[in-house]
Every structure is written in structure tokens, then in C-alpha cells.
Amino acid sequence: MDKQKMNDLAKLSKALGHPRRLEIIKILIDLPQDSQCIVGNIVEQLPISQSTVSQHLKVLKKAGWIKGRTEGPKVCYCLRKDVFKYYNELLLELQSS
């Protein structure tokens, strides 16, 4: 595995290193296809403040797990499906190296 892929794997893995971020990923996974989730919808499903949810979303977005689109005063989030495939490929490559 080359250095860039190793760095990608570390960045993606680190972003998943908090149980709340995994819960957010699960909430987004459970959305119907082509749906998006506004921060307030996520906050309603978790026992944490909106600012904390926003911080977790920022980490997930920076790592590449999710993407966000601003619609007026709201930001809608959805998963980047290609990242799941890439992450699995990186794990398999790490295992076989």
C-alpha cells in the first residue's frame, strides 16, 4: 500500500473514531435513497446539542464521508457512497499487503 492510500485510510478511520459519528453515519444510511438530512433532523435523533452535531458533521465532511449542500439558512447532508467502496478497498489492500 502506498503512502497516499495509507494516509487516506488513516484519515477516514480517524473520522469514524467517535460513537456519535458512527450514529450520524447510520442515520444517513437509513435515509431513503436520494434523500438528504438537515442538521436539525439529526439533532432530533441524538441526545446531544446542535453545535456538537455540527462539529461531528464537520469532521465527517472534512474526511470525505459526507457532503453538504447549503439551501438558504440550512445545510443538507448526505453520504458519499463512493467513499464506502474506497474505504473497503483500502482495508482489503491493507490486509493483503
PDB file of N, CA and C in Angstrom:
ATOM      1  N   MET A   1       0.850  -1.172   0.000  1.00  0.00           N
ATOM      2  CA  MET A   1       0.000   0.000   0.000  1.00  0.00           C
ATOM      3  C   MET A   1       0.899   1.240   0.000  1.00  0.00           C
ATOM      4  N   ASP A   2       0.622   2.164  -0.920  1.00  0.00           N
ATOM      5  CA  ASP A   2       1.463   3.358  -0.987  1.00  0.00           C
ATOM      6  C   ASP A   2       1.105   4.349   0.122  1.00  0.00           C
ATOM      7  N   LYS A   3       1.957   5.347   0.264  1.00  0.00           N
ATOM      8  CA  LYS A   3       1.820   6.301   1.372  1.00  0.00           C
ATOM      9  C   LYS A   3       0.504   7.087   1.295  1.00  0.00           C
ATOM     10  N   GLN A   4       0.089   7.486   0.093  1.00  0.00           N
ATOM     11  CA  GLN A   4      -1.156   8.253  -0.059  1.00  0.00           C
ATOM     12  C   GLN A   4      -2.364   7.426   0.388  1.00  0.00           C
ATOM     13  N   LYS A   5      -2.404   6.183  -0.013  1.00  0.00           N
ATOM     14  CA  LYS A   5      -3.517   5.321   0.391  1.00  0.00           C
ATOM     15  C   LYS A   5      -3.512   5.087   1.898  1.00  0.00           C
ATOM     16  N   MET A   6      -2.324   4.941   2.461  1.00  0.00           N
ATOM     17  CA  MET A   6      -2.209   4.767   3.911  1.00  0.00           C
ATOM     18  C   MET A   6      -2.743   6.010   4.629  1.00  0.00           C
ATOM     19  N   ASN A   7      -2.394   7.192   4.117  1.00  0.00           N
ATOM     20  CA  ASN A   7      -2.905   8.442   4.695  1.00  0.00           C
ATOM     21  C   ASN A   7      -4.423   8.548   4.550  1.00  0.00           C
ATOM     22  N   ASP A   8      -4.938   8.163   3.390  1.00  0.00           N
ATOM     23  CA  ASP A   8      -6.392   8.176   3.180  1.00  0.00           C
ATOM     24  C   ASP A   8      -7.093   7.259   4.175  1.00  0.00           C
ATOM     25  N   LEU A   9      -6.548   6.069   4.348  1.00  0.00           N
ATOM     26  CA  LEU A   9      -7.139   5.109   5.281  1.00  0.00           C
ATOM     27  C   LEU A   9      -7.125   5.652   6.702  1.00  0.00           C
ATOM     28  N   ALA A  10      -6.038   6.259   7.102  1.00  0.00           N
ATOM     29  CA  ALA A  10      -5.938   6.822   8.451  1.00  0.00           C
ATOM     30  C   ALA A  10      -6.941   7.960   8.644  1.00  0.00           C
ATOM     31  N   LYS A  11      -7.073   8.841   7.658  1.00  0.00           N
ATOM     32  CA  LYS A  11      -7.994   9.979   7.745  1.00  0.00           C
ATOM     33  C   LYS A  11      -9.446   9.498   7.844  1.00  0.00           C
ATOM     34  N   LEU A  12      -9.817   8.555   6.998  1.00  0.00           N
ATOM     35  CA  LEU A  12     -11.178   8.031   7.019  1.00  0.00           C
ATOM     36  C   LEU A  12     -11.467   7.286   8.327  1.00  0.00           C
ATOM     37  N   SER A  13     -10.510   6.506   8.776  1.00  0.00           N
ATOM     38  CA  SER A  13     -10.689   5.740  10.015  1.00  0.00           C
ATOM     39  C   SER A  13     -10.798   6.661  11.221  1.00  0.00           C
ATOM     40  N   LYS A  14      -9.972   7.673  11.268  1.00  0.00           N
ATOM     41  CA  LYS A  14      -9.995   8.606  12.391  1.00  0.00           C
ATOM     42  C   LYS A  14     -11.352   9.292  12.505  1.00  0.00           C
ATOM     43  N   ALA A  15     -11.944   9.640  11.382  1.00  0.00           N
ATOM     44  CA  ALA A  15     -13.249  10.304  11.399  1.00  0.00           C
ATOM     45  C   ALA A  15     -14.338   9.404  11.977  1.00  0.00           C
ATOM     46  N   LEU A  16     -14.151   8.099  11.881  1.00  0.00           N
ATOM     47  CA  LEU A  16     -15.136   7.154  12.427  1.00  0.00           C
ATOM     48  C   LEU A  16     -14.861   6.821  13.887  1.00  0.00           C
ATOM     49  N   GLY A  17     -13.841   7.441  14.456  1.00  0.00           N
ATOM     50  CA  GLY A  17     -13.372   7.095  15.793  1.00  0.00           C
ATOM     51  C   GLY A  17     -14.182   7.638  16.944  1.00  0.00           C
ATOM     52  N   HIS A  18     -15.421   8.043  16.714  1.00  0.00           N
ATOM     53  CA  HIS A  18     -16.286   8.514  17.800  1.00  0.00           C
ATOM     54  C   HIS A  18     -17.665   7.884  17.613  1.00  0.00           C
ATOM     55  N   PRO A  19     -18.241   7.340  18.686  1.00  0.00           N
ATOM     56  CA  PRO A  19     -19.539   6.670  18.560  1.00  0.00           C
ATOM     57  C   PRO A  19     -20.641   7.564  17.987  1.00  0.00           C
ATOM     58  N   ARG A  20     -20.645   8.847  18.285  1.00  0.00           N
ATOM     59  CA  ARG A  20     -21.675   9.752  17.754  1.00  0.00           C
ATOM     60  C   ARG A  20     -21.548   9.905  16.249  1.00  0.00           C
ATOM     61  N   ARG A  21     -20.315   9.900  15.752  1.00  0.00           N
ATOM     62  CA  ARG A  21     -20.134   9.998  14.299  1.00  0.00           C
ATOM     63  C   ARG A  21     -20.646   8.743  13.608  1.00  0.00           C
ATOM     64  N   LEU A  22     -20.441   7.606  14.239  1.00  0.00           N
ATOM     65  CA  LEU A  22     -20.995   6.374  13.683  1.00  0.00           C
ATOM     66  C   LEU A  22     -22.515   6.415  13.697  1.00  0.00           C
ATOM     67  N   GLU A  23     -23.103   6.976  14.747  1.00  0.00           N
ATOM     68  CA  GLU A  23     -24.557   7.125  14.803  1.00  0.00           C
ATOM     69  C   GLU A  23     -25.049   8.049  13.690  1.00  0.00           C
ATOM     70  N   ILE A  24     -24.332   9.118  13.439  1.00  0.00           N
ATOM     71  CA  ILE A  24     -24.710  10.037  12.364  1.00  0.00           C
ATOM     72  C   ILE A  24     -24.642   9.328  11.016  1.00  0.00           C
ATOM     73  N   ILE A  25     -23.579   8.569  10.798  1.00  0.00           N
ATOM     74  CA  ILE A  25     -23.462   7.786   9.560  1.00  0.00           C
ATOM     75  C   ILE A  25     -24.660   6.850   9.431  1.00  0.00           C
ATOM     76  N   LYS A  26     -25.018   6.175  10.513  1.00  0.00           N
ATOM     77  CA  LYS A  26     -26.156   5.244  10.484  1.00  0.00           C
ATOM     78  C   LYS A  26     -27.457   5.979  10.166  1.00  0.00           C
ATOM     79  N   ILE A  27     -27.661   7.152  10.759  1.00  0.00           N
ATOM     80  CA  ILE A  27     -28.858   7.948  10.464  1.00  0.00           C
ATOM     81  C   ILE A  27     -28.911   8.269   8.969  1.00  0.00           C
ATOM     82  N   LEU A  28     -27.785   8.666   8.412  1.00  0.00           N
ATOM     83  CA  LEU A  28     -27.745   8.995   6.988  1.00  0.00           C
ATOM     84  C   LEU A  28     -27.916   7.761   6.106  1.00  0.00           C
ATOM     85  N   ILE A  29     -27.394   6.622   6.549  1.00  0.00           N
ATOM     86  CA  ILE A  29     -27.569   5.368   5.795  1.00  0.00           C
ATOM     87  C   ILE A  29     -29.043   4.995   5.729  1.00  0.00           C
ATOM     88  N   ASP A  30     -29.753   5.207   6.818  1.00  0.00           N
ATOM     89  CA  ASP A  30     -31.153   4.797   6.897  1.00  0.00           C
ATOM     90  C   ASP A  30     -32.108   5.699   6.118  1.00  0.00           C
ATOM     91  N   LEU A  31     -31.619   6.820   5.611  1.00  0.00           N
ATOM     92  CA  LEU A  31     -32.471   7.700   4.816  1.00  0.00           C
ATOM     93  C   LEU A  31     -32.816   7.022   3.497  1.00  0.00           C
ATOM     94  N   PRO A  32     -33.986   7.323   2.956  1.00  0.00           N
ATOM     95  CA  PRO A  32     -34.301   6.801   1.614  1.00  0.00           C
ATOM     96  C   PRO A  32     -33.280   7.313   0.595  1.00  0.00           C
ATOM     97  N   GLN A  33     -33.073   6.524  -0.450  1.00  0.00           N
ATOM     98  CA  GLN A  33     -32.117   6.899  -1.492  1.00  0.00           C
ATOM     99  C   GLN A  33     -32.449   8.288  -2.023  1.00  0.00           C
ATOM    100  N   ASP A  34     -31.440   9.059  -2.300  1.00  0.00           N
ATOM    101  CA  ASP A  34     -31.556  10.426  -2.813  1.00  0.00           C
ATOM    102  C   ASP A  34     -32.175  11.402  -1.809  1.00  0.00           C
ATOM    103  N   SER A  35     -32.287  11.012  -0.549  1.00  0.00           N
ATOM    104  CA  SER A  35     -32.759  11.940   0.479  1.00  0.00           C
ATOM    105  C   SER A  35     -31.554  12.622   1.099  1.00  0.00           C
ATOM    106  N   GLN A  36     -31.820  13.742   1.710  1.00  0.00           N
ATOM    107  CA  GLN A  36     -30.772  14.463   2.411  1.00  0.00           C
ATOM    108  C   GLN A  36     -31.267  14.793   3.801  1.00  0.00           C
ATOM    109  N   CYS A  37     -30.364  15.049   4.677  1.00  0.00           N
ATOM    110  CA  CYS A  37     -30.715  15.268   6.067  1.00  0.00           C
ATOM    111  C   CYS A  37     -30.208  16.631   6.529  1.00  0.00           C
ATOM    112  N   ILE A  38     -31.097  17.391   7.119  1.00  0.00           N
ATOM    113  CA  ILE A  38     -30.750  18.691   7.677  1.00  0.00           C
ATOM    114  C   ILE A  38     -30.275  18.470   9.109  1.00  0.00           C
ATOM    115  N   VAL A  39     -29.349  19.291   9.562  1.00  0.00           N
ATOM    116  CA  VAL A  39     -28.758  19.144  10.892  1.00  0.00           C
ATOM    117  C   VAL A  39     -29.839  18.969  11.964  1.00  0.00           C
ATOM    118  N   GLY A  40     -30.889  19.751  11.891  1.00  0.00           N
ATOM    119  CA  GLY A  40     -31.963  19.666  12.881  1.00  0.00           C
ATOM    120  C   GLY A  40     -32.578  18.282  12.952  1.00  0.00           C
ATOM    121  N   ASN A  41     -32.687  17.601  11.823  1.00  0.00           N
ATOM    122  CA  ASN A  41     -33.233  16.236  11.799  1.00  0.00           C
ATOM    123  C   ASN A  41     -32.313  15.265  12.535  1.00  0.00           C
ATOM    124  N   ILE A  42     -31.023  15.468  12.397  1.00  0.00           N
ATOM    125  CA  ILE A  42     -30.057  14.618  13.090  1.00  0.00           C
ATOM    126  C   ILE A  42     -30.107  14.897  14.586  1.00  0.00           C
ATOM    127  N   VAL A  43     -30.168  16.180  14.942  1.00  0.00           N
ATOM    128  CA  VAL A  43     -30.219  16.575  16.355  1.00  0.00           C
ATOM    129  C   VAL A  43     -31.412  15.926  17.049  1.00  0.00           C
ATOM    130  N   GLU A  44     -32.539  15.846  16.364  1.00  0.00           N
ATOM    131  CA  GLU A  44     -33.745  15.244  16.942  1.00  0.00           C
ATOM    132  C   GLU A  44     -33.542  13.772  17.293  1.00  0.00           C
ATOM    133  N   GLN A  45     -32.615  13.108  16.623  1.00  0.00           N
ATOM    134  CA  GLN A  45     -32.406  11.676  16.830  1.00  0.00           C
ATOM    135  C   GLN A  45     -31.269  11.359  17.801  1.00  0.00           C
ATOM    136  N   LEU A  46     -30.544  12.382  18.239  1.00  0.00           N
ATOM    137  CA  LEU A  46     -29.407  12.166  19.128  1.00  0.00           C
ATOM    138  C   LEU A  46     -29.555  13.019  20.392  1.00  0.00           C
ATOM    139  N   PRO A  47     -29.091  12.517  21.521  1.00  0.00           N
ATOM    140  CA  PRO A  47     -29.194  13.279  22.768  1.00  0.00           C
ATOM    141  C   PRO A  47     -28.021  14.244  22.976  1.00  0.00           C
ATOM    142  N   ILE A  48     -27.680  15.003  21.922  1.00  0.00           N
ATOM    143  CA  ILE A  48     -26.588  15.971  22.014  1.00  0.00           C
ATOM    144  C   ILE A  48     -27.034  17.277  21.365  1.00  0.00           C
ATOM    145  N   SER A  49     -26.303  18.330  21.657  1.00  0.00           N
ATOM    146  CA  SER A  49     -26.681  19.654  21.168  1.00  0.00           C
ATOM    147  C   SER A  49     -26.427  19.797  19.666  1.00  0.00           C
ATOM    148  N   GLN A  50     -27.076  20.797  19.088  1.00  0.00           N
ATOM    149  CA  GLN A  50     -26.893  21.060  17.664  1.00  0.00           C
ATOM    150  C   GLN A  50     -25.448  21.438  17.352  1.00  0.00           C
ATOM    151  N   SER A  51     -24.815  22.199  18.239  1.00  0.00           N
ATOM    152  CA  SER A  51     -23.426  22.587  17.981  1.00  0.00           C
ATOM    153  C   SER A  51     -22.496  21.366  17.975  1.00  0.00           C
ATOM    154  N   THR A  52     -22.784  20.385  18.836  1.00  0.00           N
ATOM    155  CA  THR A  52     -21.973  19.170  18.871  1.00  0.00           C
ATOM    156  C   THR A  52     -22.200  18.339  17.604  1.00  0.00           C
ATOM    157  N   VAL A  53     -23.450  18.238  17.181  1.00  0.00           N
ATOM    158  CA  VAL A  53     -23.752  17.538  15.932  1.00  0.00           C
ATOM    159  C   VAL A  53     -23.022  18.218  14.778  1.00  0.00           C
ATOM    160  N   SER A  54     -23.070  19.530  14.746  1.00  0.00           N
ATOM    161  CA  SER A  54     -22.395  20.275  13.677  1.00  0.00           C
ATOM    162  C   SER A  54     -20.898  20.006  13.661  1.00  0.00           C
ATOM    163  N   GLN A  55     -20.280  19.915  14.840  1.00  0.00           N
ATOM    164  CA  GLN A  55     -18.846  19.619  14.911  1.00  0.00           C
ATOM    165  C   GLN A  55     -18.555  18.223  14.353  1.00  0.00           C
ATOM    166  N   HIS A  56     -19.387  17.249  14.713  1.00  0.00           N
ATOM    167  CA  HIS A  56     -19.194  15.894  14.189  1.00  0.00           C
ATOM    168  C   HIS A  56     -19.390  15.864  12.674  1.00  0.00           C
ATOM    169  N   LEU A  57     -20.386  16.586  12.185  1.00  0.00           N
ATOM    170  CA  LEU A  57     -20.607  16.649  10.740  1.00  0.00           C
ATOM    171  C   LEU A  57     -19.415  17.284  10.032  1.00  0.00           C
ATOM    172  N   LYS A  58     -18.833  18.280  10.640  1.00  0.00           N
ATOM    173  CA  LYS A  58     -17.658  18.945  10.065  1.00  0.00           C
ATOM    174  C   LYS A  58     -16.507  17.951   9.916  1.00  0.00           C
ATOM    175  N   VAL A  59     -16.293  17.122  10.936  1.00  0.00           N
ATOM    176  CA  VAL A  59     -15.217  16.120  10.886  1.00  0.00           C
ATOM    177  C   VAL A  59     -15.495  15.102   9.778  1.00  0.00           C
ATOM    178  N   LEU A  60     -16.735  14.617   9.716  1.00  0.00           N
ATOM    179  CA  LEU A  60     -17.100  13.631   8.699  1.00  0.00           C
ATOM    180  C   LEU A  60     -16.979  14.215   7.293  1.00  0.00           C
ATOM    181  N   LYS A  61     -17.362  15.466   7.143  1.00  0.00           N
ATOM    182  CA  LYS A  61     -17.281  16.117   5.830  1.00  0.00           C
ATOM    183  C   LYS A  61     -15.823  16.336   5.428  1.00  0.00           C
ATOM    184  N   LYS A  62     -15.015  16.808   6.354  1.00  0.00           N
ATOM    185  CA  LYS A  62     -13.599  17.050   6.053  1.00  0.00           C
ATOM    186  C   LYS A  62     -12.882  15.757   5.653  1.00  0.00           C
ATOM    187  N   ALA A  63     -13.252  14.661   6.295  1.00  0.00           N
ATOM    188  CA  ALA A  63     -12.637  13.370   5.973  1.00  0.00           C
ATOM    189  C   ALA A  63     -13.157  12.801   4.660  1.00  0.00           C
ATOM    190  N   GLY A  64     -14.307  13.296   4.202  1.00  0.00           N
ATOM    191  CA  GLY A  64     -14.851  12.833   2.925  1.00  0.00           C
ATOM    192  C   GLY A  64     -15.999  11.852   3.022  1.00  0.00           C
ATOM    193  N   TRP A  65     -16.470  11.547   4.226  1.00  0.00           N
ATOM    194  CA  TRP A  65     -17.564  10.587   4.390  1.00  0.00           C
ATOM    195  C   TRP A  65     -18.905  11.138   3.919  1.00  0.00           C
ATOM    196  N   ILE A  66     -19.105  12.435   4.090  1.00  0.00           N
ATOM    197  CA  ILE A  66     -20.383  13.046   3.728  1.00  0.00           C
ATOM    198  C   ILE A  66     -20.140  14.296   2.896  1.00  0.00           C
ATOM    199  N   LYS A  67     -21.206  14.762   2.266  1.00  0.00           N
ATOM    200  CA  LYS A  67     -21.147  16.042   1.576  1.00  0.00           C
ATOM    201  C   LYS A  67     -22.338  16.865   2.037  1.00  0.00           C
ATOM    202  N   GLY A  68     -22.186  18.160   1.974  1.00  0.00           N
ATOM    203  CA  GLY A  68     -23.235  19.057   2.412  1.00  0.00           C
ATOM    204  C   GLY A  68     -23.547  20.078   1.343  1.00  0.00           C
ATOM    205  N   ARG A  69     -24.822  20.443   1.282  1.00  0.00           N
ATOM    206  CA  ARG A  69     -25.256  21.448   0.321  1.00  0.00           C
ATOM    207  C   ARG A  69     -26.076  22.487   1.059  1.00  0.00           C
ATOM    208  N   THR A  70     -25.728  23.744   0.894  1.00  0.00           N
ATOM    209  CA  THR A  70     -26.429  24.824   1.571  1.00  0.00           C
ATOM    210  C   THR A  70     -27.685  25.185   0.793  1.00  0.00           C
ATOM    211  N   GLU A  71     -28.789  25.222   1.525  1.00  0.00           N
ATOM    212  CA  GLU A  71     -30.072  25.635   0.952  1.00  0.00           C
ATOM    213  C   GLU A  71     -30.623  26.740   1.846  1.00  0.00           C
ATOM    214  N   GLY A  72     -30.335  27.974   1.482  1.00  0.00           N
ATOM    215  CA  GLY A  72     -30.735  29.094   2.329  1.00  0.00           C
ATOM    216  C   GLY A  72     -29.985  29.025   3.649  1.00  0.00           C
ATOM    217  N   PRO A  73     -30.727  29.072   4.764  1.00  0.00           N
ATOM    218  CA  PRO A  73     -30.055  29.014   6.062  1.00  0.00           C
ATOM    219  C   PRO A  73     -29.747  27.585   6.520  1.00  0.00           C
ATOM    220  N   LYS A  74     -30.132  26.594   5.740  1.00  0.00           N
ATOM    221  CA  LYS A  74     -29.964  25.196   6.140  1.00  0.00           C
ATOM    222  C   LYS A  74     -28.880  24.526   5.312  1.00  0.00           C
ATOM    223  N   VAL A  75     -28.266  23.511   5.905  1.00  0.00           N
ATOM    224  CA  VAL A  75     -27.305  22.678   5.181  1.00  0.00           C
ATOM    225  C   VAL A  75     -27.865  21.260   5.179  1.00  0.00           C
ATOM    226  N   CYS A  76     -27.953  20.683   3.990  1.00  0.00           N
ATOM    227  CA  CYS A  76     -28.440  19.316   3.836  1.00  0.00           C
ATOM    228  C   CYS A  76     -27.237  18.391   3.636  1.00  0.00           C
ATOM    229  N   TYR A  77     -27.233  17.283   4.357  1.00  0.00           N
ATOM    230  CA  TYR A  77     -26.107  16.348   4.303  1.00  0.00           C
ATOM    231  C   TYR A  77     -26.540  15.018   3.719  1.00  0.00           C
ATOM    232  N   CYS A  78     -25.634  14.388   3.005  1.00  0.00           N
ATOM    233  CA  CYS A  78     -25.855  13.030   2.524  1.00  0.00           C
ATOM    234  C   CYS A  78     -24.507  12.320   2.473  1.00  0.00           C
ATOM    235  N   LEU A  79     -24.569  11.018   2.438  1.00  0.00           N
ATOM    236  CA  LEU A  79     -23.356  10.194   2.388  1.00  0.00           C
ATOM    237  C   LEU A  79     -22.740  10.219   1.009  1.00  0.00           C
ATOM    238  N   ARG A  80     -21.463  10.052   0.978  1.00  0.00           N
ATOM    239  CA  ARG A  80     -20.754   9.865  -0.279  1.00  0.00           C
ATOM    240  C   ARG A  80     -20.533   8.362  -0.434  1.00  0.00           C
ATOM    241  N   LYS A  81     -21.377   7.728  -1.209  1.00  0.00           N
ATOM    242  CA  LYS A  81     -21.350   6.266  -1.361  1.00  0.00           C
ATOM    243  C   LYS A  81     -20.007   5.767  -1.899  1.00  0.00           C
ATOM    244  N   ASP A  82     -19.370   6.564  -2.751  1.00  0.00           N
ATOM    245  CA  ASP A  82     -18.084   6.151  -3.310  1.00  0.00           C
ATOM    246  C   ASP A  82     -17.016   5.990  -2.236  1.00  0.00           C
ATOM    247  N   VAL A  83     -17.153   6.720  -1.140  1.00  0.00           N
ATOM    248  CA  VAL A  83     -16.158   6.648  -0.071  1.00  0.00           C
ATOM    249  C   VAL A  83     -16.231   5.302   0.647  1.00  0.00           C
ATOM    250  N   PHE A  84     -17.428   4.760   0.822  1.00  0.00           N
ATOM    251  CA  PHE A  84     -17.568   3.450   1.454  1.00  0.00           C
ATOM    252  C   PHE A  84     -16.831   2.395   0.638  1.00  0.00           C
ATOM    253  N   LYS A  85     -17.005   2.425  -0.666  1.00  0.00           N
ATOM    254  CA  LYS A  85     -16.335   1.465  -1.544  1.00  0.00           C
ATOM    255  C   LYS A  85     -14.816   1.638  -1.450  1.00  0.00           C
ATOM    256  N   TYR A  86     -14.357   2.876  -1.512  1.00  0.00           N
ATOM    257  CA  TYR A  86     -12.922   3.156  -1.435  1.00  0.00           C
ATOM    258  C   TYR A  86     -12.347   2.696  -0.097  1.00  0.00           C
ATOM    259  N   TYR A  87     -13.064   2.970   0.983  1.00  0.00           N
ATOM    260  CA  TYR A  87     -12.614   2.572   2.323  1.00  0.00           C
ATOM    261  C   TYR A  87     -12.490   1.049   2.410  1.00  0.00           C
ATOM    262  N   ASN A  88     -13.468   0.340   1.894  1.00  0.00           N
ATOM    263  CA  ASN A  88     -13.402  -1.132   1.880  1.00  0.00           C
ATOM    264  C   ASN A  88     -12.211  -1.619   1.068  1.00  0.00           C
ATOM    265  N   GLU A  89     -11.967  -0.981  -0.074  1.00  0.00           N
ATOM    266  CA  GLU A  89     -10.823  -1.357  -0.895  1.00  0.00           C
ATOM    267  C   GLU A  89      -9.514  -1.132  -0.161  1.00  0.00           C
ATOM    268  N   LEU A  90      -9.435  -0.016   0.555  1.00  0.00           N
ATOM    269  CA  LEU A  90      -8.217   0.272   1.327  1.00  0.00           C
ATOM    270  C   LEU A  90      -7.993  -0.766   2.423  1.00  0.00           C
ATOM    271  N   LEU A  91      -9.067  -1.135   3.106  1.00  0.00           N
ATOM    272  CA  LEU A  91      -8.949  -2.160   4.151  1.00  0.00           C
ATOM    273  C   LEU A  91      -8.489  -3.491   3.583  1.00  0.00           C
ATOM    274  N   LEU A  92      -9.058  -3.866   2.434  1.00  0.00           N
ATOM    275  CA  LEU A  92      -8.653  -5.120   1.800  1.00  0.00           C
ATOM    276  C   LEU A  92      -7.200  -5.075   1.360  1.00  0.00           C
ATOM    277  N   GLU A  93      -6.797  -3.937   0.816  1.00  0.00           N
ATOM    278  CA  GLU A  93      -5.403  -3.795   0.386  1.00  0.00           C
ATOM    279  C   GLU A  93      -4.458  -3.863   1.580  1.00  0.00           C
ATOM    280  N   LEU A  94      -4.848  -3.247   2.676  1.00  0.00           N
ATOM    281  CA  LEU A  94      -4.023  -3.292   3.886  1.00  0.00           C
ATOM    282  C   LEU A  94      -3.888  -4.726   4.379  1.00  0.00           C
ATOM    283  N   GLN A  95      -4.973  -5.446   4.338  1.00  0.00           N
ATOM    284  CA  GLN A  95      -4.988  -6.833   4.792  1.00  0.00           C
ATOM    285  C   GLN A  95      -4.100  -7.716   3.914  1.00  0.00           C
ATOM    286  N   SER A  96      -4.074  -7.440   2.628  1.00  0.00           N
ATOM    287  CA  SER A  96      -3.308  -8.296   1.721  1.00  0.00           C
ATOM    288  C   SER A  96      -1.853  -7.870   1.563  1.00  0.00           C
ATOM    289  N   SER A  97      -1.481  -6.746   2.169  1.00  0.00           N
ATOM    290  CA  SER A  97      -0.088  -6.302   1.990  1.00  0.00           C
ATOM    291  C   SER A  97       0.820  -6.875   3.058  1.00  0.00           C
TER     292      SER A  97
END
